[in-house]
Amino acid sequence: METKEFEEFVKVIAKLRAPDGCPWDREQTHKTLKPNMLEEAYEAVDAMESGDMKHLREELGDVLLQVVLHAQIAEEEGQFNIEDVARGIKEKIIHRHPHVFGDVKVNSAADVTDNWDKLKQEEKKHRKSVMDGISKSQSALMSAQKISKKAVKTGFEWPDEKSLYECIFSEFDEFKEAEKNNDKDQMEEEFGDILFAVVNLARWNKIDAEQALLRANKKFMARFRKMEELADKPLTEYSFEEYDKLWRKAKNALL
């Protein structure tokens, strides 16, 4: 990116926030823009998934808009500006890549990750627990995987995958017991344990649980839409057996 283009973009956002700028932009705060930040980030991920580079370029621009807009608001409040944001992340990246900008030697990507974690710990000495620093705003699925990864780094890990499967099955048994007792509160707790255990199975196999579920959602919606196309009567009138046949037909049509 040319510096000139970025500087002009920053000026555009400043103009939108000026007294004679856009009424909507002038009313925004860090709090009101939180949904926008999340939405734009997810739309950028969708574009990555689609492989449409033109769409990705557009969505990355929308993410950049959010970054510059938040920096502009902070500058107006006397907190920081976009240069402070850029300087901060530049210094962090240089510090966490001593094998590139220093004389540290690494032999693999795993070494890079280990160094990154050690340097991060040095930077975050104020944290009392390894669980500190986990975002409260990310999805529960993403949080679960992050929590699991942090715990494992201390050595809190299953000895093998078999024991992990046993843990998952035991959580199902506990849920069934709560269901038998019609204890809704206990059922919710046990169901949460099932999800957390399954997230650990994803982590064990180096699968991103959030992305896996997003793919499953996308696949289900595509198949359901195909079912709607293939249906010869309203879906509400289908029996379970008819639904099953239609589902298989839709599934095969999308292979």
Foldseek 3Di string as FASTA:
>chain_A
DDPVVVVVVLVVLLQLCDPPHPPVLVPDAPVVCVVQLVVLVVQLVVCVVVVPVVSNVVSVVSNVVSVSSNQSRCVVVVHHHPVVVVVVVVVLVLQLPCVVNNVDDDDDVVRSVVSNVVSVCVVPVVDPDLLPPQDPPDDPLQSLLSVLVSCVVVVPDDPDVVVLVVQLVVLVVQLVVCVVVVPVVSNVVSVVSNSSSVSVVCVVVVHRPVVVVVVVVVVVVQLVVLLVVPDPDPPVPDDPVRVVVSSVVSVVVVD
